[in-house]
Amino acid sequence: DAEIKGLEVEADWIPAGSLRLLGSVGWLDSKYTRINEGSIVTLSDALIRAPEWTASAGLSHLLTLGAHGSVAPRLDAAYKSETQFEAVNTPFARDDGYVALNLHIPYVSPGEDWRVELGIENLTDERYLVAADTNIAIGYEVGVYARPRNWSLTVERRF
């Protein structure tokens, strides 16, 4: 049995017509409350995929280009505290936590029929686990890491 309590707060603020600030913070208090006799999981093990803290922040600014459309650059940051990926917590199947930054620069044509966006994910090239698995009996350990810094170019035509 387990007990999970938490709180999440989000905010979206437009202090000026062209500036937008976004933010969120989440807190979880998760723990096992009862373990079956003979289980290798202990009451001190953390629940999987239940970081104590998560947070995000974003900033975007709409720049109108008059008769040439608009550009709205946006910078986002995401934080996640230590995360376990297996019920029996092991040092290998655990991520220490991370902060990842993303940048998106969309351009929208004057008639809003064209949209072109340059995106850069994991801007600072952080290395962090998104999944992990181990099997001590056969000496098996595998970790799946987030993609390194990568970019995309999206072109959209509306008709």
N, C-alpha and C. Protein backbone atom coordinates (compact mmCIF):
# COMPACT_ATOMS: atom_id res chain seq x y z
N ASP A 1 0.85 -1.17 0.00
CA ASP A 1 0.00 0.00 0.00
C ASP A 1 0.89 1.23 0.00
N ALA A 2 0.37 2.29 -0.56
CA ALA A 2 1.13 3.53 -0.61
C ALA A 2 0.19 4.71 -0.38
N GLU A 3 0.80 5.81 0.02
CA GLU A 3 0.05 7.04 0.22
C GLU A 3 0.76 8.14 -0.56
N ILE A 4 -0.02 8.89 -1.32
CA ILE A 4 0.54 9.99 -2.10
C ILE A 4 -0.28 11.25 -1.83
N LYS A 5 0.41 12.29 -1.40
CA LYS A 5 -0.20 13.60 -1.21
C LYS A 5 0.61 14.59 -2.03
N GLY A 6 -0.04 15.61 -2.50
CA GLY A 6 0.71 16.59 -3.28
C GLY A 6 -0.04 17.87 -3.52
N LEU A 7 0.65 18.78 -4.14
CA LEU A 7 0.11 20.09 -4.44
C LEU A 7 0.77 20.59 -5.71
N GLU A 8 -0.02 21.20 -6.58
CA GLU A 8 0.54 21.81 -7.78
C GLU A 8 -0.07 23.19 -7.94
N VAL A 9 0.78 24.15 -8.26
CA VAL A 9 0.35 25.53 -8.47
C VAL A 9 0.87 25.99 -9.82
N GLU A 10 -0.02 26.60 -10.60
CA GLU A 10 0.36 27.11 -11.91
C GLU A 10 0.00 28.58 -11.99
N ALA A 11 0.79 29.32 -12.75
CA ALA A 11 0.50 30.74 -12.95
C ALA A 11 0.80 31.11 -14.39
N ASP A 12 -0.01 32.01 -14.91
CA ASP A 12 0.15 32.53 -16.26
C ASP A 12 -0.10 34.03 -16.15
N TRP A 13 0.92 34.83 -16.41
CA TRP A 13 0.82 36.26 -16.18
C TRP A 13 1.23 37.02 -17.43
N ILE A 14 0.46 37.99 -17.82
CA ILE A 14 0.78 38.84 -18.96
C ILE A 14 0.93 40.26 -18.40
N PRO A 15 2.16 40.64 -17.99
CA PRO A 15 2.37 41.96 -17.39
C PRO A 15 2.27 43.10 -18.41
N ALA A 16 2.52 42.78 -19.66
CA ALA A 16 2.38 43.75 -20.75
C ALA A 16 1.75 42.99 -21.91
N GLY A 17 1.15 43.69 -22.84
CA GLY A 17 0.43 43.03 -23.92
C GLY A 17 1.24 42.03 -24.72
N SER A 18 2.55 42.20 -24.79
CA SER A 18 3.37 41.32 -25.63
C SER A 18 4.26 40.37 -24.83
N LEU A 19 4.27 40.49 -23.52
CA LEU A 19 5.13 39.66 -22.67
C LEU A 19 4.28 38.69 -21.87
N ARG A 20 4.69 37.43 -21.85
CA ARG A 20 3.94 36.41 -21.11
C ARG A 20 4.90 35.60 -20.25
N LEU A 21 4.56 35.43 -18.99
CA LEU A 21 5.33 34.63 -18.04
C LEU A 21 4.47 33.47 -17.57
N LEU A 22 5.04 32.28 -17.59
CA LEU A 22 4.33 31.08 -17.14
C LEU A 22 5.17 30.38 -16.09
N GLY A 23 4.53 29.73 -15.16
CA GLY A 23 5.28 28.99 -14.17
C GLY A 23 4.42 27.97 -13.46
N SER A 24 5.07 26.95 -12.95
CA SER A 24 4.37 25.95 -12.15
C SER A 24 5.36 25.33 -11.18
N VAL A 25 4.83 24.84 -10.08
CA VAL A 25 5.63 24.08 -9.13
C VAL A 25 4.74 22.97 -8.58
N GLY A 26 5.32 21.80 -8.45
CA GLY A 26 4.59 20.66 -7.91
C GLY A 26 5.38 20.00 -6.79
N TRP A 27 4.67 19.54 -5.78
CA TRP A 27 5.30 18.86 -4.64
C TRP A 27 4.53 17.58 -4.38
N LEU A 28 5.28 16.48 -4.18
CA LEU A 28 4.68 15.19 -3.85
C LEU A 28 5.29 14.64 -2.57
N ASP A 29 4.44 14.11 -1.72
CA ASP A 29 4.87 13.36 -0.54
C ASP A 29 4.34 11.95 -0.77
N SER A 30 5.21 11.07 -1.24
CA SER A 30 4.78 9.71 -1.56
C SER A 30 5.61 8.71 -0.76
N LYS A 31 4.92 7.68 -0.26
CA LYS A 31 5.64 6.67 0.52
C LYS A 31 4.82 5.38 0.59
N TYR A 32 5.55 4.30 0.75
CA TYR A 32 4.89 3.02 1.00
C TYR A 32 4.42 3.03 2.45
N THR A 33 3.21 2.53 2.68
CA THR A 33 2.68 2.47 4.04
C THR A 33 2.59 1.05 4.56
N ARG A 34 2.57 0.07 3.65
CA ARG A 34 2.53 -1.34 4.07
C ARG A 34 3.15 -2.18 2.97
N ILE A 35 4.03 -3.09 3.39
CA ILE A 35 4.72 -3.99 2.45
C ILE A 35 4.37 -5.42 2.83
N ASN A 36 4.07 -6.24 1.85
CA ASN A 36 3.79 -7.66 2.11
C ASN A 36 5.03 -8.35 2.67
N GLU A 37 4.81 -9.28 3.58
CA GLU A 37 5.90 -10.03 4.18
C GLU A 37 6.64 -10.78 3.08
N GLY A 38 7.97 -10.75 3.15
CA GLY A 38 8.79 -11.46 2.17
C GLY A 38 9.14 -10.63 0.94
N SER A 39 8.58 -9.43 0.84
CA SER A 39 8.86 -8.57 -0.31
C SER A 39 10.27 -8.01 -0.21
N ILE A 40 10.91 -7.83 -1.35
CA ILE A 40 12.25 -7.21 -1.33
C ILE A 40 12.15 -5.68 -1.32
N VAL A 41 10.97 -5.14 -1.54
CA VAL A 41 10.74 -3.71 -1.41
C VAL A 41 10.63 -3.40 0.08
N THR A 42 11.19 -2.27 0.50
CA THR A 42 11.12 -1.88 1.90
C THR A 42 10.33 -0.59 2.04
N LEU A 43 9.91 -0.30 3.25
CA LEU A 43 9.18 0.93 3.51
C LEU A 43 10.03 2.17 3.23
N SER A 44 11.35 2.03 3.24
CA SER A 44 12.22 3.18 2.98
C SER A 44 12.45 3.42 1.48
N ASP A 45 12.03 2.48 0.61
CA ASP A 45 12.17 2.70 -0.83
C ASP A 45 11.19 3.78 -1.29
N ALA A 46 11.65 4.61 -2.23
CA ALA A 46 10.79 5.66 -2.80
C ALA A 46 9.92 5.05 -3.90
N LEU A 47 8.75 5.60 -4.09
CA LEU A 47 7.89 5.15 -5.19
C LEU A 47 8.53 5.53 -6.52
N ILE A 48 8.27 4.71 -7.53
CA ILE A 48 8.85 4.97 -8.84
C ILE A 48 8.14 6.15 -9.51
N ARG A 49 8.92 6.88 -10.28
CA ARG A 49 8.43 8.02 -11.08
C ARG A 49 7.60 9.00 -10.25
N ALA A 50 8.06 9.24 -9.02
CA ALA A 50 7.35 10.17 -8.13
C ALA A 50 8.36 11.14 -7.50
N PRO A 51 8.91 12.06 -8.31
CA PRO A 51 9.87 13.02 -7.74
C PRO A 51 9.18 13.92 -6.71
N GLU A 52 9.91 14.31 -5.71
CA GLU A 52 9.32 15.18 -4.68
C GLU A 52 8.98 16.55 -5.25
N TRP A 53 9.83 17.08 -6.15
CA TRP A 53 9.62 18.41 -6.69
C TRP A 53 9.67 18.42 -8.21
N THR A 54 8.78 19.18 -8.81
CA THR A 54 8.82 19.49 -10.24
C THR A 54 8.52 20.97 -10.37
N ALA A 55 9.07 21.58 -11.39
CA ALA A 55 8.79 22.99 -11.62
C ALA A 55 9.04 23.31 -13.09
N SER A 56 8.38 24.34 -13.54
CA SER A 56 8.63 24.82 -14.89
C SER A 56 8.44 26.33 -14.93
N ALA A 57 9.11 26.96 -15.87
CA ALA A 57 8.98 28.40 -16.06
C ALA A 57 9.13 28.69 -17.54
N GLY A 58 8.41 29.67 -17.99
CA GLY A 58 8.50 30.04 -19.40
C GLY A 58 8.35 31.54 -19.57
N LEU A 59 8.98 32.03 -20.60
CA LEU A 59 8.92 33.45 -20.92
C LEU A 59 8.78 33.57 -22.43
N SER A 60 7.77 34.31 -22.87
CA SER A 60 7.62 34.55 -24.31
C SER A 60 7.33 36.03 -24.54
N HIS A 61 7.73 36.48 -25.71
CA HIS A 61 7.55 37.89 -26.06
C HIS A 61 7.08 37.97 -27.50
N LEU A 62 5.92 38.54 -27.71
CA LEU A 62 5.35 38.69 -29.05
C LEU A 62 5.90 39.97 -29.67
N LEU A 63 6.57 39.80 -30.81
CA LEU A 63 7.11 40.94 -31.54
C LEU A 63 6.37 41.06 -32.85
N THR A 64 5.59 42.10 -33.00
CA THR A 64 4.87 42.30 -34.25
C THR A 64 5.80 42.97 -35.25
N LEU A 65 5.75 42.47 -36.48
CA LEU A 65 6.60 42.98 -37.53
C LEU A 65 5.79 43.79 -38.55
N GLY A 66 4.72 44.40 -38.07
CA GLY A 66 3.87 45.20 -38.93
C GLY A 66 3.27 44.37 -40.06
N ALA A 67 3.48 44.80 -41.28
CA ALA A 67 2.94 44.11 -42.45
C ALA A 67 3.68 42.81 -42.75
N HIS A 68 4.69 42.46 -41.94
CA HIS A 68 5.50 41.26 -42.20
C HIS A 68 5.21 40.11 -41.24
N GLY A 69 4.17 40.20 -40.43
CA GLY A 69 3.81 39.11 -39.53
C GLY A 69 4.28 39.33 -38.11
N SER A 70 4.59 38.23 -37.42
CA SER A 70 5.03 38.34 -36.03
C SER A 70 5.97 37.19 -35.67
N VAL A 71 6.76 37.44 -34.65
CA VAL A 71 7.68 36.45 -34.09
C VAL A 71 7.43 36.44 -32.58
N ALA A 72 7.40 35.24 -31.99
CA ALA A 72 7.15 35.14 -30.55
C ALA A 72 8.14 34.16 -29.91
N PRO A 73 9.40 34.58 -29.69
CA PRO A 73 10.36 33.69 -29.06
C PRO A 73 9.91 33.26 -27.67
N ARG A 74 10.20 32.01 -27.33
CA ARG A 74 9.80 31.48 -26.02
C ARG A 74 10.93 30.62 -25.45
N LEU A 75 11.30 30.90 -24.21
CA LEU A 75 12.30 30.12 -23.50
C LEU A 75 11.60 29.43 -22.34
N ASP A 76 11.79 28.12 -22.23
CA ASP A 76 11.17 27.32 -21.17
C ASP A 76 12.24 26.59 -20.38
N ALA A 77 12.00 26.42 -19.09
CA ALA A 77 12.87 25.62 -18.23
C ALA A 77 11.99 24.60 -17.50
N ALA A 78 12.51 23.39 -17.37
CA ALA A 78 11.79 22.34 -16.63
C ALA A 78 12.74 21.72 -15.61
N TYR A 79 12.24 21.54 -14.39
CA TYR A 79 13.04 20.96 -13.31
C TYR A 79 12.32 19.74 -12.76
N LYS A 80 13.10 18.72 -12.46
CA LYS A 80 12.56 17.54 -11.78
C LYS A 80 13.60 17.07 -10.78
N SER A 81 13.19 16.84 -9.53
CA SER A 81 14.13 16.37 -8.51
C SER A 81 14.38 14.87 -8.67
N GLU A 82 15.16 14.32 -7.77
CA GLU A 82 15.55 12.90 -7.85
C GLU A 82 14.34 12.01 -8.14
N THR A 83 14.54 11.06 -9.06
CA THR A 83 13.47 10.15 -9.47
C THR A 83 13.99 8.72 -9.48
N GLN A 84 13.23 7.82 -8.89
CA GLN A 84 13.54 6.39 -8.91
C GLN A 84 12.75 5.73 -10.04
N PHE A 85 13.35 4.72 -10.68
CA PHE A 85 12.68 4.03 -11.78
C PHE A 85 12.36 2.57 -11.47
N GLU A 86 12.74 2.10 -10.28
CA GLU A 86 12.42 0.73 -9.89
C GLU A 86 11.90 0.70 -8.46
N ALA A 87 11.01 -0.24 -8.20
CA ALA A 87 10.40 -0.35 -6.87
C ALA A 87 11.47 -0.60 -5.80
N VAL A 88 12.43 -1.47 -6.08
CA VAL A 88 13.56 -1.66 -5.18
C VAL A 88 14.60 -0.64 -5.64
N ASN A 89 14.74 0.43 -4.89
CA ASN A 89 15.61 1.53 -5.32
C ASN A 89 17.06 1.09 -5.43
N THR A 90 17.64 1.35 -6.58
CA THR A 90 19.05 1.05 -6.81
C THR A 90 19.72 2.32 -7.31
N PRO A 91 21.02 2.46 -7.07
CA PRO A 91 21.72 3.66 -7.54
C PRO A 91 21.69 3.78 -9.07
N PHE A 92 21.68 2.66 -9.78
CA PHE A 92 21.69 2.73 -11.24
C PHE A 92 20.36 3.22 -11.81
N ALA A 93 19.27 2.75 -11.25
CA ALA A 93 17.94 3.08 -11.79
C ALA A 93 17.36 4.31 -11.10
N ARG A 94 18.18 5.35 -11.00
CA ARG A 94 17.79 6.57 -10.30
C ARG A 94 18.41 7.75 -11.04
N ASP A 95 17.65 8.82 -11.17
CA ASP A 95 18.18 10.05 -11.74
C ASP A 95 18.27 11.09 -10.64
N ASP A 96 19.38 11.81 -10.58
CA ASP A 96 19.61 12.79 -9.52
C ASP A 96 18.74 14.03 -9.62
N GLY A 97 18.14 14.24 -10.76
CA GLY A 97 17.35 15.45 -11.00
C GLY A 97 18.03 16.29 -12.06
N TYR A 98 17.28 17.20 -12.64
CA TYR A 98 17.84 17.98 -13.74
C TYR A 98 17.04 19.26 -13.96
N VAL A 99 17.66 20.14 -14.72
CA VAL A 99 17.01 21.32 -15.27
C VAL A 99 17.28 21.28 -16.77
N ALA A 100 16.23 21.34 -17.57
CA ALA A 100 16.38 21.34 -19.02
C ALA A 100 15.77 22.62 -19.58
N LEU A 101 16.46 23.19 -20.57
CA LEU A 101 15.98 24.41 -21.22
C LEU A 101 15.58 24.12 -22.66
N ASN A 102 14.54 24.79 -23.11
CA ASN A 102 14.06 24.66 -24.48
C ASN A 102 13.80 26.06 -25.04
N LEU A 103 14.09 26.24 -26.33
CA LEU A 103 13.88 27.52 -26.98
C LEU A 103 13.08 27.29 -28.26
N HIS A 104 12.05 28.09 -28.45
CA HIS A 104 11.23 28.01 -29.67
C HIS A 104 11.05 29.42 -30.22
N ILE A 105 11.22 29.53 -31.53
CA ILE A 105 11.06 30.83 -32.19
C ILE A 105 10.10 30.65 -33.36
N PRO A 106 8.82 30.92 -33.14
CA PRO A 106 7.85 30.81 -34.23
C PRO A 106 7.65 32.14 -34.97
N TYR A 107 7.54 32.04 -36.27
CA TYR A 107 7.18 33.18 -37.11
C TYR A 107 5.81 32.88 -37.70
N VAL A 108 4.91 33.88 -37.67
CA VAL A 108 3.58 33.74 -38.26
C VAL A 108 3.41 34.85 -39.30
N SER A 109 2.98 34.44 -40.49
CA SER A 109 2.82 35.40 -41.59
C SER A 109 1.66 36.36 -41.30
N PRO A 110 1.59 37.50 -42.02
CA PRO A 110 0.54 38.49 -41.76
C PRO A 110 -0.88 37.92 -41.84
N GLY A 111 -1.16 37.05 -42.79
CA GLY A 111 -2.49 36.47 -42.91
C GLY A 111 -2.68 35.22 -42.05
N GLU A 112 -1.69 34.88 -41.24
CA GLU A 112 -1.67 33.69 -40.38
C GLU A 112 -1.88 32.39 -41.16
N ASP A 113 -1.55 32.40 -42.46
CA ASP A 113 -1.68 31.18 -43.24
C ASP A 113 -0.36 30.40 -43.29
N TRP A 114 0.75 31.02 -42.91
CA TRP A 114 2.04 30.35 -42.81
C TRP A 114 2.59 30.48 -41.40
N ARG A 115 3.20 29.41 -40.95
CA ARG A 115 3.87 29.41 -39.65
C ARG A 115 5.16 28.63 -39.79
N VAL A 116 6.27 29.22 -39.38
CA VAL A 116 7.57 28.56 -39.43
C VAL A 116 8.16 28.66 -38.03
N GLU A 117 8.61 27.52 -37.49
CA GLU A 117 9.14 27.54 -36.13
C GLU A 117 10.46 26.80 -36.05
N LEU A 118 11.45 27.46 -35.46
CA LEU A 118 12.71 26.83 -35.13
C LEU A 118 12.65 26.46 -33.65
N GLY A 119 12.95 25.21 -33.33
CA GLY A 119 12.92 24.76 -31.94
C GLY A 119 14.24 24.11 -31.55
N ILE A 120 14.69 24.39 -30.35
CA ILE A 120 15.88 23.73 -29.81
C ILE A 120 15.48 23.14 -28.46
N GLU A 121 15.51 21.83 -28.38
CA GLU A 121 15.17 21.12 -27.14
C GLU A 121 16.45 20.73 -26.41
N ASN A 122 16.39 20.73 -25.10
CA ASN A 122 17.54 20.41 -24.25
C ASN A 122 18.73 21.29 -24.64
N LEU A 123 18.48 22.56 -24.63
CA LEU A 123 19.43 23.57 -25.08
C LEU A 123 20.81 23.45 -24.44
N THR A 124 20.86 23.13 -23.16
CA THR A 124 22.14 23.03 -22.44
C THR A 124 22.72 21.62 -22.47
N ASP A 125 22.11 20.73 -23.24
CA ASP A 125 22.59 19.37 -23.45
C ASP A 125 22.73 18.59 -22.14
N GLU A 126 21.70 18.69 -21.29
CA GLU A 126 21.70 17.97 -20.02
C GLU A 126 21.57 16.47 -20.27
N ARG A 127 22.23 15.68 -19.46
CA ARG A 127 22.14 14.23 -19.56
C ARG A 127 21.36 13.74 -18.33
N TYR A 128 20.18 13.15 -18.60
CA TYR A 128 19.37 12.64 -17.49
C TYR A 128 18.57 11.44 -17.96
N LEU A 129 18.30 10.56 -17.00
CA LEU A 129 17.54 9.34 -17.29
C LEU A 129 16.05 9.64 -17.41
N VAL A 130 15.40 8.95 -18.34
CA VAL A 130 13.94 9.01 -18.44
C VAL A 130 13.33 7.64 -18.14
N ALA A 131 14.18 6.60 -18.11
CA ALA A 131 13.75 5.25 -17.74
C ALA A 131 14.99 4.42 -17.42
N ALA A 132 14.82 3.39 -16.60
CA ALA A 132 15.93 2.50 -16.26
C ALA A 132 15.36 1.18 -15.75
N ASP A 133 16.17 0.13 -15.91
CA ASP A 133 15.75 -1.20 -15.47
C ASP A 133 17.00 -2.00 -15.10
N THR A 134 16.90 -2.79 -14.05
CA THR A 134 18.01 -3.66 -13.65
C THR A 134 17.48 -5.04 -13.30
N ASN A 135 18.35 -6.01 -13.40
CA ASN A 135 18.07 -7.36 -12.94
C ASN A 135 19.37 -7.89 -12.37
N ILE A 136 19.51 -7.82 -11.07
CA ILE A 136 20.75 -8.21 -10.39
C ILE A 136 21.06 -9.68 -10.61
N ALA A 137 20.03 -10.52 -10.69
CA ALA A 137 20.23 -11.96 -10.83
C ALA A 137 21.01 -12.31 -12.10
N ILE A 138 20.79 -11.59 -13.19
CA ILE A 138 21.51 -11.90 -14.43
C ILE A 138 22.51 -10.82 -14.82
N GLY A 139 22.69 -9.82 -13.95
CA GLY A 139 23.67 -8.77 -14.20
C GLY A 139 23.25 -7.82 -15.31
N TYR A 140 21.99 -7.48 -15.35
CA TYR A 140 21.44 -6.67 -16.43
C TYR A 140 21.11 -5.28 -15.93
N GLU A 141 21.61 -4.27 -16.61
CA GLU A 141 21.28 -2.88 -16.29
C GLU A 141 21.12 -2.13 -17.60
N VAL A 142 20.02 -1.39 -17.74
CA VAL A 142 19.82 -0.58 -18.94
C VAL A 142 19.21 0.75 -18.52
N GLY A 143 19.69 1.81 -19.16
CA GLY A 143 19.15 3.14 -18.89
C GLY A 143 18.79 3.82 -20.20
N VAL A 144 17.71 4.53 -20.19
CA VAL A 144 17.28 5.30 -21.36
C VAL A 144 17.43 6.78 -21.00
N TYR A 145 18.26 7.46 -21.76
CA TYR A 145 18.52 8.87 -21.48
C TYR A 145 17.68 9.77 -22.39
N ALA A 146 17.42 10.97 -21.92
CA ALA A 146 16.72 11.97 -22.73
C ALA A 146 17.58 12.27 -23.96
N ARG A 147 16.93 12.73 -25.00
CA ARG A 147 17.67 13.09 -26.19
C ARG A 147 18.62 14.23 -25.87
N PRO A 148 19.81 14.22 -26.47
CA PRO A 148 20.73 15.34 -26.28
C PRO A 148 20.16 16.57 -26.97
N ARG A 149 20.91 17.66 -26.92
CA ARG A 149 20.45 18.88 -27.60
C ARG A 149 20.04 18.52 -29.03
N ASN A 150 18.88 18.98 -29.44
CA ASN A 150 18.40 18.71 -30.79
C ASN A 150 17.56 19.87 -31.26
N TRP A 151 17.44 19.97 -32.54
CA TRP A 151 16.68 21.09 -33.10
C TRP A 151 15.67 20.59 -34.11
N SER A 152 14.69 21.43 -34.38
CA SER A 152 13.67 21.09 -35.36
C SER A 152 13.26 22.36 -36.11
N LEU A 153 12.79 22.15 -37.31
CA LEU A 153 12.24 23.23 -38.10
C LEU A 153 10.89 22.75 -38.60
N THR A 154 9.85 23.47 -38.23
CA THR A 154 8.49 23.11 -38.60
C THR A 154 7.92 24.18 -39.54
N VAL A 155 7.37 23.74 -40.63
CA VAL A 155 6.70 24.64 -41.57
C VAL A 155 5.26 24.20 -41.68
N GLU A 156 4.35 25.15 -41.46
CA GLU A 156 2.92 24.83 -41.47
C GLU A 156 2.20 25.79 -42.41
N ARG A 157 1.34 25.24 -43.24
CA ARG A 157 0.54 26.05 -44.17
C ARG A 157 -0.93 25.77 -43.87
N ARG A 158 -1.69 26.82 -43.60
CA ARG A 158 -3.12 26.69 -43.32
C ARG A 158 -3.91 27.16 -44.53
N PHE A 159 -4.89 26.36 -44.90
CA PHE A 159 -5.73 26.75 -46.05
C PHE A 159 -7.13 26.26 -45.85
